[in-house]
C-alpha atoms as a PDB file:
ATOM      1  CA  MET A   1     -64.300 -71.417 -12.379  1.00  0.00           C
ATOM      2  CA  MET A   2     -65.904 -67.395 -11.275  1.00  0.00           C
ATOM      3  CA  PHE A   3     -66.342 -65.221 -14.438  1.00  0.00           C
ATOM      4  CA  SER A   4     -65.742 -68.244 -16.512  1.00  0.00           C
ATOM      5  CA  LYS A   5     -67.297 -67.021 -19.479  1.00  0.00           C
ATOM      6  CA  LYS A   6     -65.493 -63.689 -20.816  1.00  0.00           C
ATOM      7  CA  ILE A   7     -67.009 -60.659 -22.164  1.00  0.00           C
ATOM      8  CA  GLN A   8     -66.164 -58.212 -25.035  1.00  0.00           C
ATOM      9  CA  ILE A   9     -65.633 -55.008 -23.305  1.00  0.00           C
ATOM     10  CA  ASN A  10     -64.703 -51.665 -25.035  1.00  0.00           C
ATOM     11  CA  PRO A  11     -61.909 -50.174 -23.481  1.00  0.00           C
ATOM     12  CA  LEU A  12     -63.309 -46.403 -24.433  1.00  0.00           C
ATOM     13  CA  LEU A  13     -65.390 -47.642 -21.447  1.00  0.00           C
ATOM     14  CA  TYR A  14     -62.626 -47.506 -19.357  1.00  0.00           C
ATOM     15  CA  ILE A  15     -63.292 -43.234 -19.328  1.00  0.00           C
ATOM     16  CA  PRO A  16     -66.888 -42.932 -17.646  1.00  0.00           C
ATOM     17  CA  LEU A  17     -66.204 -45.561 -15.040  1.00  0.00           C
ATOM     18  CA  VAL A  18     -62.933 -44.306 -14.029  1.00  0.00           C
ATOM     19  CA  LEU A  19     -63.536 -41.075 -13.979  1.00  0.00           C
ATOM     20  CA  VAL A  20     -67.071 -41.584 -11.698  1.00  0.00           C
ATOM     21  CA  LEU A  21     -65.177 -43.779  -8.999  1.00  0.00           C
ATOM     22  CA  THR A  22     -62.612 -41.387  -8.931  1.00  0.00           C
ATOM     23  CA  TRP A  23     -64.320 -37.976  -8.757  1.00  0.00           C
ATOM     24  CA  THR A  24     -67.365 -39.673  -6.389  1.00  0.00           C
ATOM     25  CA  PRO A  25     -64.702 -39.760  -3.410  1.00  0.00           C
ATOM     26  CA  TRP A  26     -62.608 -36.784  -4.562  1.00  0.00           C
ATOM     27  CA  TRP A  27     -65.697 -34.950  -4.926  1.00  0.00           C
ATOM     28  CA  LEU A  28     -66.873 -35.285  -1.201  1.00  0.00           C
ATOM     29  CA  ALA A  29     -63.367 -34.786  -0.012  1.00  0.00           C
ATOM     30  CA  VAL A  30     -63.530 -31.241  -1.653  1.00  0.00           C
ATOM     31  CA  SER A  31     -67.303 -30.664  -0.619  1.00  0.00           C
ATOM     32  CA  THR A  32     -66.487 -31.418   2.711  1.00  0.00           C
ATOM     33  CA  GLY A  33     -64.101 -27.905   3.289  1.00  0.00           C
ATOM     34  CA  ARG A  34     -61.387 -29.679   5.638  1.00  0.00           C
ATOM     35  CA  GLY A  35     -57.899 -30.295   4.393  1.00  0.00           C
ATOM     36  CA  MET A  36     -55.435 -33.067   3.865  1.00  0.00           C
ATOM     37  CA  GLU A  37     -54.553 -32.954   7.937  1.00  0.00           C
ATOM     38  CA  ASN A  38     -58.368 -34.533   8.094  1.00  0.00           C
ATOM     39  CA  LEU A  39     -58.346 -38.775   7.961  1.00  0.00           C
ATOM     40  CA  ALA A  40     -61.578 -38.732   5.902  1.00  0.00           C
ATOM     41  CA  VAL A  41     -59.916 -36.798   3.034  1.00  0.00           C
ATOM     42  CA  LYS A  42     -57.188 -38.802   3.056  1.00  0.00           C
ATOM     43  CA  VAL A  43     -59.399 -41.851   3.076  1.00  0.00           C
ATOM     44  CA  LEU A  44     -61.681 -40.259   0.059  1.00  0.00           C
ATOM     45  CA  LEU A  45     -58.701 -39.177  -1.838  1.00  0.00           C
ATOM     46  CA  LEU A  46     -56.641 -43.111  -1.745  1.00  0.00           C
ATOM     47  CA  ALA A  47     -60.015 -44.651  -2.758  1.00  0.00           C
ATOM     48  CA  GLY A  48     -60.205 -42.367  -6.023  1.00  0.00           C
ATOM     49  CA  LEU A  49     -56.537 -42.710  -6.122  1.00  0.00           C
ATOM     50  CA  LEU A  50     -57.155 -46.512  -6.724  1.00  0.00           C
ATOM     51  CA  ALA A  51     -60.084 -46.146  -9.392  1.00  0.00           C
ATOM     52  CA  PRO A  52     -57.639 -46.406 -12.551  1.00  0.00           C
ATOM     53  CA  ALA A  53     -56.152 -49.661 -11.086  1.00  0.00           C
ATOM     54  CA  VAL A  54     -59.669 -50.750  -9.537  1.00  0.00           C
ATOM     55  CA  VAL A  55     -61.047 -50.715 -13.124  1.00  0.00           C
ATOM     56  CA  ALA A  56     -58.517 -52.252 -15.423  1.00  0.00           C
ATOM     57  CA  LEU A  57     -58.097 -55.335 -12.864  1.00  0.00           C
ATOM     58  CA  ALA A  58     -62.097 -55.822 -13.266  1.00  0.00           C
ATOM     59  CA  PHE A  59     -61.874 -55.523 -17.161  1.00  0.00           C
ATOM     60  CA  ILE A  60     -59.260 -58.237 -17.368  1.00  0.00           C
ATOM     61  CA  LEU A  61     -61.025 -60.299 -14.996  1.00  0.00           C
ATOM     62  CA  LEU A  62     -64.162 -59.746 -16.588  1.00  0.00           C
ATOM     63  CA  SER A  63     -62.964 -60.280 -20.291  1.00  0.00           C
ATOM     64  CA  GLU A  64     -59.356 -61.903 -20.220  1.00  0.00           C
ATOM     65  CA  GLU A  65     -57.859 -65.542 -20.221  1.00  0.00           C
ATOM     66  CA  ALA A  66     -55.160 -66.215 -17.196  1.00  0.00           C
ATOM     67  CA  GLU A  67     -52.556 -65.888 -19.789  1.00  0.00           C
ATOM     68  CA  TYR A  68     -53.005 -62.967 -20.135  1.00  0.00           C
ATOM     69  CA  HIS A  69     -53.844 -62.091 -16.819  1.00  0.00           C
ATOM     70  CA  TRP A  70     -50.044 -63.446 -16.279  1.00  0.00           C
ATOM     71  CA  ASP A  71     -48.512 -61.328 -19.271  1.00  0.00           C
ATOM     72  CA  TYR A  72     -50.327 -58.402 -17.220  1.00  0.00           C
ATOM     73  CA  TRP A  73     -48.666 -58.738 -13.997  1.00  0.00           C
ATOM     74  CA  ARG A  74     -45.227 -60.098 -15.617  1.00  0.00           C
ATOM     75  CA  ARG A  75     -45.155 -56.714 -17.566  1.00  0.00           C
ATOM     76  CA  VAL A  76     -45.670 -54.974 -13.494  1.00  0.00           C
ATOM     77  CA  ILE A  77     -42.263 -56.691 -12.179  1.00  0.00           C
ATOM     78  CA  ASP A  78     -40.418 -58.059 -14.549  1.00  0.00           C
ATOM     79  CA  PRO A  79     -37.313 -55.196 -14.821  1.00  0.00           C
ATOM     80  CA  THR A  80     -35.643 -57.510 -17.684  1.00  0.00           C
ATOM     81  CA  LEU A  81     -38.255 -56.150 -20.312  1.00  0.00           C
ATOM     82  CA  ILE A  82     -36.441 -52.360 -19.744  1.00  0.00           C
ATOM     83  CA  SER A  83     -33.495 -51.567 -22.073  1.00  0.00           C
ATOM     84  CA  ARG A  84     -30.385 -50.434 -20.681  1.00  0.00           C
ATOM     85  CA  GLY A  85     -31.166 -46.833 -22.591  1.00  0.00           C
ATOM     86  CA  SER A  86     -34.231 -46.677 -21.168  1.00  0.00           C
ATOM     87  CA  TYR A  87     -33.764 -47.164 -17.456  1.00  0.00           C
ATOM     88  CA  ARG A  88     -31.473 -44.014 -18.554  1.00  0.00           C
ATOM     89  CA  LEU A  89     -34.371 -42.045 -20.024  1.00  0.00           C
ATOM     90  CA  ILE A  90     -36.838 -42.908 -17.097  1.00  0.00           C
ATOM     91  CA  PHE A  91     -34.425 -41.734 -14.339  1.00  0.00           C
ATOM     92  CA  LEU A  92     -32.224 -38.854 -15.856  1.00  0.00           C
ATOM     93  CA  LEU A  93     -34.665 -37.396 -18.371  1.00  0.00           C
ATOM     94  CA  PRO A  94     -37.015 -35.605 -15.454  1.00  0.00           C
ATOM     95  CA  VAL A  95     -34.287 -34.505 -13.465  1.00  0.00           C
ATOM     96  CA  MET A  96     -32.036 -33.390 -16.907  1.00  0.00           C
ATOM     97  CA  ILE A  97     -35.391 -31.401 -18.056  1.00  0.00           C
ATOM     98  CA  THR A  98     -35.873 -29.508 -14.358  1.00  0.00           C
ATOM     99  CA  VAL A  99     -32.365 -28.474 -14.023  1.00  0.00           C
ATOM    100  CA  ILE A 100     -32.423 -27.033 -17.701  1.00  0.00           C
ATOM    101  CA  ALA A 101     -35.375 -25.349 -17.465  1.00  0.00           C
ATOM    102  CA  MET A 102     -34.329 -23.905 -14.039  1.00  0.00           C
ATOM    103  CA  LEU A 103     -31.116 -22.504 -15.434  1.00  0.00           C
ATOM    104  CA  GLY A 104     -32.568 -21.393 -18.268  1.00  0.00           C
ATOM    105  CA  SER A 105     -35.259 -19.460 -16.269  1.00  0.00           C
ATOM    106  CA  PHE A 106     -31.865 -17.659 -14.293  1.00  0.00           C
ATOM    107  CA  ILE A 107     -30.849 -16.286 -17.883  1.00  0.00           C
ATOM    108  CA  PHE A 108     -33.754 -14.508 -17.871  1.00  0.00           C
ATOM    109  CA  GLY A 109     -33.779 -13.553 -14.690  1.00  0.00           C
ATOM    110  CA  GLU A 110     -35.459 -15.952 -12.166  1.00  0.00           C
ATOM    111  CA  SER A 111     -33.764 -16.402  -8.760  1.00  0.00           C
ATOM    112  CA  LEU A 112     -31.447 -19.684  -7.948  1.00  0.00           C
ATOM    113  CA  SER A 113     -33.344 -20.410  -4.803  1.00  0.00           C
ATOM    114  CA  GLN A 114     -35.375 -22.923  -7.146  1.00  0.00           C
ATOM    115  CA  PHE A 115     -32.181 -24.967  -6.633  1.00  0.00           C
ATOM    116  CA  LYS A 116     -32.973 -25.554  -3.208  1.00  0.00           C
ATOM    117  CA  ILE A 117     -34.934 -28.169  -2.005  1.00  0.00           C
ATOM    118  CA  VAL A 118     -38.656 -27.564  -0.748  1.00  0.00           C
ATOM    119  CA  PRO A 119     -38.533 -27.749   2.803  1.00  0.00           C
ATOM    120  CA  GLN A 120     -41.500 -29.947   2.672  1.00  0.00           C
ATOM    121  CA  VAL A 121     -39.091 -33.131   1.290  1.00  0.00           C
ATOM    122  CA  ARG A 122     -36.212 -31.524   3.443  1.00  0.00           C
ATOM    123  CA  ALA A 123     -37.921 -32.299   6.240  1.00  0.00           C
ATOM    124  CA  HIS A 124     -38.185 -36.066   4.918  1.00  0.00           C
ATOM    125  CA  LEU A 125     -34.171 -36.578   4.033  1.00  0.00           C
ATOM    126  CA  PRO A 126     -34.045 -38.794   7.488  1.00  0.00           C
ATOM    127  CA  SER A 127     -36.344 -41.000   6.301  1.00  0.00           C
ATOM    128  CA  ILE A 128     -35.679 -40.311   3.006  1.00  0.00           C
ATOM    129  CA  LEU A 129     -37.248 -44.474   2.107  1.00  0.00           C
ATOM    130  CA  VAL A 130     -40.068 -43.556   3.557  1.00  0.00           C
ATOM    131  CA  PHE A 131     -40.925 -40.933   1.378  1.00  0.00           C
ATOM    132  CA  ILE A 132     -39.374 -42.688  -1.539  1.00  0.00           C
ATOM    133  CA  PHE A 133     -42.259 -45.179  -0.913  1.00  0.00           C
ATOM    134  CA  TYR A 134     -44.703 -43.149  -0.648  1.00  0.00           C
ATOM    135  CA  THR A 135     -44.267 -41.487  -3.685  1.00  0.00           C
ATOM    136  CA  PHE A 136     -43.701 -44.781  -5.838  1.00  0.00           C
ATOM    137  CA  PHE A 137     -46.866 -46.537  -3.996  1.00  0.00           C
ATOM    138  CA  ILE A 138     -49.288 -43.441  -3.358  1.00  0.00           C
ATOM    139  CA  GLY A 139     -49.688 -42.313  -7.531  1.00  0.00           C
ATOM    140  CA  PRO A 140     -47.618 -43.599 -10.055  1.00  0.00           C
ATOM    141  CA  PHE A 141     -47.998 -47.528  -8.907  1.00  0.00           C
ATOM    142  CA  PRO A 142     -51.813 -47.737  -8.897  1.00  0.00           C
ATOM    143  CA  GLU A 143     -52.617 -45.123 -11.791  1.00  0.00           C
ATOM    144  CA  GLU A 144     -49.917 -47.145 -14.608  1.00  0.00           C
ATOM    145  CA  LEU A 145     -51.161 -50.253 -13.986  1.00  0.00           C
ATOM    146  CA  GLY A 146     -54.451 -48.767 -14.785  1.00  0.00           C
ATOM    147  CA  TRP A 147     -53.581 -46.183 -17.415  1.00  0.00           C
ATOM    148  CA  ARG A 148     -51.120 -47.960 -19.583  1.00  0.00           C
ATOM    149  CA  GLY A 149     -51.123 -51.201 -18.028  1.00  0.00           C
ATOM    150  CA  TYR A 150     -54.518 -51.521 -19.341  1.00  0.00           C
ATOM    151  CA  TRP A 151     -55.777 -49.331 -21.327  1.00  0.00           C
ATOM    152  CA  LEU A 152     -53.137 -48.086 -23.633  1.00  0.00           C
ATOM    153  CA  ASP A 153     -52.329 -51.881 -24.013  1.00  0.00           C
ATOM    154  CA  LYS A 154     -55.961 -51.842 -25.409  1.00  0.00           C
ATOM    155  CA  LEU A 155     -56.361 -48.989 -27.137  1.00  0.00           C
ATOM    156  CA  LYS A 156     -53.334 -49.670 -29.402  1.00  0.00           C
ATOM    157  CA  ASP A 157     -54.636 -52.080 -31.254  1.00  0.00           C
ATOM    158  CA  ARG A 158     -57.360 -49.602 -32.173  1.00  0.00           C
ATOM    159  CA  MET A 159     -55.608 -46.735 -32.824  1.00  0.00           C
ATOM    160  CA  SER A 160     -52.389 -45.269 -33.322  1.00  0.00           C
ATOM    161  CA  GLY A 161     -49.587 -44.998 -30.712  1.00  0.00           C
ATOM    162  CA  LEU A 162     -49.911 -40.514 -30.986  1.00  0.00           C
ATOM    163  CA  ARG A 163     -53.989 -40.885 -30.823  1.00  0.00           C
ATOM    164  CA  ALA A 164     -53.712 -43.079 -28.023  1.00  0.00           C
ATOM    165  CA  SER A 165     -51.169 -40.581 -26.034  1.00  0.00           C
ATOM    166  CA  LEU A 166     -53.633 -37.806 -26.824  1.00  0.00           C
ATOM    167  CA  LEU A 167     -56.546 -39.775 -25.407  1.00  0.00           C
ATOM    168  CA  ILE A 168     -55.097 -40.719 -22.378  1.00  0.00           C
ATOM    169  CA  GLY A 169     -53.325 -37.592 -21.646  1.00  0.00           C
ATOM    170  CA  LEU A 170     -56.924 -35.849 -21.773  1.00  0.00           C
ATOM    171  CA  VAL A 171     -58.354 -38.394 -19.693  1.00  0.00           C
ATOM    172  CA  TRP A 172     -55.648 -38.204 -17.440  1.00  0.00           C
ATOM    173  CA  ALA A 173     -55.680 -34.290 -17.130  1.00  0.00           C
ATOM    174  CA  VAL A 174     -59.570 -34.098 -16.793  1.00  0.00           C
ATOM    175  CA  TRP A 175     -59.425 -36.814 -14.061  1.00  0.00           C
ATOM    176  CA  HIS A 176     -56.986 -34.801 -11.743  1.00  0.00           C
ATOM    177  CA  ILE A 177     -59.348 -31.576 -11.966  1.00  0.00           C
ATOM    178  CA  PRO A 178     -60.503 -31.714  -8.396  1.00  0.00           C
ATOM    179  CA  LEU A 179     -57.525 -32.500  -6.614  1.00  0.00           C
ATOM    180  CA  PHE A 180     -56.756 -28.646  -7.558  1.00  0.00           C
ATOM    181  CA  LEU A 181     -59.497 -27.879  -4.825  1.00  0.00           C
ATOM    182  CA  VAL A 182     -58.284 -30.038  -1.882  1.00  0.00           C
ATOM    183  CA  LYS A 183     -56.760 -27.696   0.865  1.00  0.00           C
ATOM    184  CA  GLY A 184     -53.327 -28.341   1.481  1.00  0.00           C
ATOM    185  CA  TYR A 185     -53.078 -30.668  -1.476  1.00  0.00           C
ATOM    186  CA  PRO A 186     -49.684 -30.192  -3.879  1.00  0.00           C
ATOM    187  CA  LEU A 187     -51.654 -29.360  -6.727  1.00  0.00           C
ATOM    188  CA  GLN A 188     -53.480 -26.410  -5.161  1.00  0.00           C
ATOM    189  CA  ALA A 189     -50.981 -24.412  -5.523  1.00  0.00           C
ATOM    190  CA  LYS A 190     -50.297 -24.104  -8.776  1.00  0.00           C
ATOM    191  CA  THR A 191     -54.620 -22.576  -8.880  1.00  0.00           C
ATOM    192  CA  GLN A 192     -52.126 -19.418  -7.920  1.00  0.00           C
ATOM    193  CA  ASP A 193     -51.367 -18.675 -10.997  1.00  0.00           C
ATOM    194  CA  PRO A 194     -53.130 -19.024 -14.595  1.00  0.00           C
ATOM    195  CA  LEU A 195     -49.149 -20.263 -16.364  1.00  0.00           C
ATOM    196  CA  PHE A 196     -49.106 -22.564 -13.467  1.00  0.00           C
ATOM    197  CA  LEU A 197     -52.894 -24.238 -14.252  1.00  0.00           C
ATOM    198  CA  ALA A 198     -51.808 -23.565 -18.423  1.00  0.00           C
ATOM    199  CA  PHE A 199     -48.177 -25.518 -18.060  1.00  0.00           C
ATOM    200  CA  TYR A 200     -49.458 -27.728 -16.243  1.00  0.00           C
ATOM    201  CA  PHE A 201     -52.228 -28.973 -18.731  1.00  0.00           C
ATOM    202  CA  ILE A 202     -50.205 -29.313 -21.273  1.00  0.00           C
ATOM    203  CA  ASP A 203     -47.525 -30.412 -19.995  1.00  0.00           C
ATOM    204  CA  LEU A 204     -49.446 -33.989 -19.796  1.00  0.00           C
ATOM    205  CA  PHE A 205     -49.562 -34.620 -23.315  1.00  0.00           C
ATOM    206  CA  PRO A 206     -45.705 -34.205 -24.355  1.00  0.00           C
ATOM    207  CA  LYS A 207     -45.347 -36.789 -21.126  1.00  0.00           C
ATOM    208  CA  SER A 208     -48.768 -39.025 -22.011  1.00  0.00           C
ATOM    209  CA  VAL A 209     -46.130 -39.456 -25.514  1.00  0.00           C
ATOM    210  CA  ILE A 210     -42.988 -40.505 -23.882  1.00  0.00           C
ATOM    211  CA  PHE A 211     -45.099 -43.287 -21.815  1.00  0.00           C
ATOM    212  CA  THR A 212     -46.171 -44.511 -24.580  1.00  0.00           C
ATOM    213  CA  TYR A 213     -42.800 -45.188 -26.123  1.00  0.00           C
ATOM    214  CA  LEU A 214     -41.534 -46.300 -22.853  1.00  0.00           C
ATOM    215  CA  PHE A 215     -44.035 -48.843 -22.800  1.00  0.00           C
ATOM    216  CA  LEU A 216     -44.416 -50.161 -26.200  1.00  0.00           C
ATOM    217  CA  LYS A 217     -40.598 -49.939 -27.090  1.00  0.00           C
ATOM    218  CA  ASN A 218     -39.951 -52.118 -24.033  1.00  0.00           C
ATOM    219  CA  ARG A 219     -42.248 -55.073 -24.460  1.00  0.00           C
ATOM    220  CA  ARG A 220     -45.340 -53.381 -23.822  1.00  0.00           C
ATOM    221  CA  SER A 221     -43.385 -52.919 -20.037  1.00  0.00           C
ATOM    222  CA  THR A 222     -45.519 -51.297 -17.483  1.00  0.00           C
ATOM    223  CA  LEU A 223     -43.174 -51.164 -14.793  1.00  0.00           C
ATOM    224  CA  ALA A 224     -40.982 -48.996 -17.048  1.00  0.00           C
ATOM    225  CA  ALA A 225     -44.102 -46.496 -17.015  1.00  0.00           C
ATOM    226  CA  ILE A 226     -44.500 -46.824 -13.178  1.00  0.00           C
ATOM    227  CA  LEU A 227     -40.576 -46.034 -13.013  1.00  0.00           C
ATOM    228  CA  PHE A 228     -41.323 -43.085 -15.183  1.00  0.00           C
ATOM    229  CA  HIS A 229     -44.183 -41.267 -13.006  1.00  0.00           C
ATOM    230  CA  PHE A 230     -42.301 -42.131 -10.109  1.00  0.00           C
ATOM    231  CA  MET A 231     -39.493 -40.647 -10.930  1.00  0.00           C
ATOM    232  CA  ILE A 232     -41.947 -37.454 -12.133  1.00  0.00           C
ATOM    233  CA  ASN A 233     -43.472 -36.834  -9.645  1.00  0.00           C
ATOM    234  CA  PHE A 234     -40.398 -37.163  -7.134  1.00  0.00           C
ATOM    235  CA  THR A 235     -38.461 -34.450  -9.231  1.00  0.00           C
ATOM    236  CA  GLY A 236     -41.221 -32.623  -9.253  1.00  0.00           C
ATOM    237  CA  GLN A 237     -41.712 -32.459  -5.068  1.00  0.00           C
ATOM    238  CA  LEU A 238     -38.059 -31.588  -4.903  1.00  0.00           C
ATOM    239  CA  PHE A 239     -38.417 -27.975  -6.156  1.00  0.00           C
ATOM    240  CA  GLU A 240     -40.354 -25.069  -6.323  1.00  0.00           C
ATOM    241  CA  LEU A 241     -40.758 -23.672  -9.883  1.00  0.00           C
ATOM    242  CA  ARG A 242     -41.445 -20.213 -10.790  1.00  0.00           C
ATOM    243  CA  PRO A 243     -43.990 -20.130 -13.713  1.00  0.00           C
ATOM    244  CA  LEU A 244     -41.574 -19.709 -16.193  1.00  0.00           C
ATOM    245  CA  THR A 245     -39.844 -22.420 -15.362  1.00  0.00           C
ATOM    246  CA  GLU A 246     -42.449 -24.723 -15.550  1.00  0.00           C
ATOM    247  CA  GLY A 247     -43.027 -23.139 -18.557  1.00  0.00           C
ATOM    248  CA  LEU A 248     -39.731 -24.399 -19.679  1.00  0.00           C
ATOM    249  CA  VAL A 249     -40.618 -27.705 -18.406  1.00  0.00           C
ATOM    250  CA  ALA A 250     -43.276 -28.206 -20.496  1.00  0.00           C
ATOM    251  CA  ALA A 251     -41.777 -27.040 -23.531  1.00  0.00           C
ATOM    252  CA  LEU A 252     -38.864 -29.282 -22.871  1.00  0.00           C
ATOM    253  CA  TYR A 253     -40.824 -32.239 -22.467  1.00  0.00           C
ATOM    254  CA  LEU A 254     -42.637 -31.154 -25.679  1.00  0.00           C
ATOM    255  CA  LEU A 255     -39.669 -31.245 -27.604  1.00  0.00           C
ATOM    256  CA  VAL A 256     -38.431 -34.868 -26.578  1.00  0.00           C
ATOM    257  CA  ALA A 257     -42.060 -36.004 -27.639  1.00  0.00           C
ATOM    258  CA  ILE A 258     -41.772 -35.055 -30.968  1.00  0.00           C
ATOM    259  CA  CYS A 259     -37.862 -35.944 -31.258  1.00  0.00           C
ATOM    260  CA  LEU A 260     -39.218 -40.034 -30.324  1.00  0.00           C
ATOM    261  CA  MET A 261     -42.171 -39.760 -32.414  1.00  0.00           C
ATOM    262  CA  VAL A 262     -39.621 -38.129 -35.551  1.00  0.00           C
ATOM    263  CA  ARG A 263     -37.633 -41.370 -34.861  1.00  0.00           C
ATOM    264  CA  ASN A 264     -39.615 -43.833 -33.821  1.00  0.00           C
ATOM    265  CA  LYS A 265     -42.841 -42.959 -36.634  1.00  0.00           C
ATOM    266  CA  GLU A 266     -43.431 -47.323 -36.296  1.00  0.00           C
ATOM    267  CA  ILE A 267     -44.649 -46.751 -32.506  1.00  0.00           C
ATOM    268  CA  PHE A 268     -46.878 -43.452 -33.153  1.00  0.00           C
ATOM    269  CA  LYS A 269     -47.898 -43.877 -37.042  1.00  0.00           C
END
């Protein structure tokens, strides 16, 4: 049997391998000077996007027995691992935070035009299922097979839930950096305002805490992480937020993360 002799792998090795395998194609995409309309750029971006999952699956193949393989994929596909309360949190929290932030920014003088769905998404409304499919599989699914499905599952045995959350949040933030330089990629617009950049990176840390809560509270459900990631991305693409609103979004996610840590000390201590 291939790879019948398993090896011990330090989960911290996940960091350099994912960054190298992601950044190599992504920096190549940046170096072309082309934008998202170019097929080669799209292929390079997709190749880098798959790195968290590819490294995770390689580590599992090399270091884990069949029982873990079965458990890993069960956690990806089994919806019964997730509680009803967590389903409500997953599907409602990103929407509620965004709406509350937009209303809050309106009080401070921002326009209600933020509530308009962006043109890029409106163009997909006749084929909304295609848009949902794209948003689900380009980002949340391959990323969470790695970030939470494998890496958090291993880090939790070596450090506290809070430290694991912050480490993943840091690597997750660094991992995204080349995307800010790809012409036409949604993150490029954030480079026009330092506040957008600051709030984007700050935002990842409380979100990482919430991911950890959902993962560990629901019997290590990778599906919970995938669905929450999907809702964050989907909601984020619906509206064009102002810097003040982005700041309120980050503050609200931080508030939720603090509440979860206080009420679930057994997860984060």
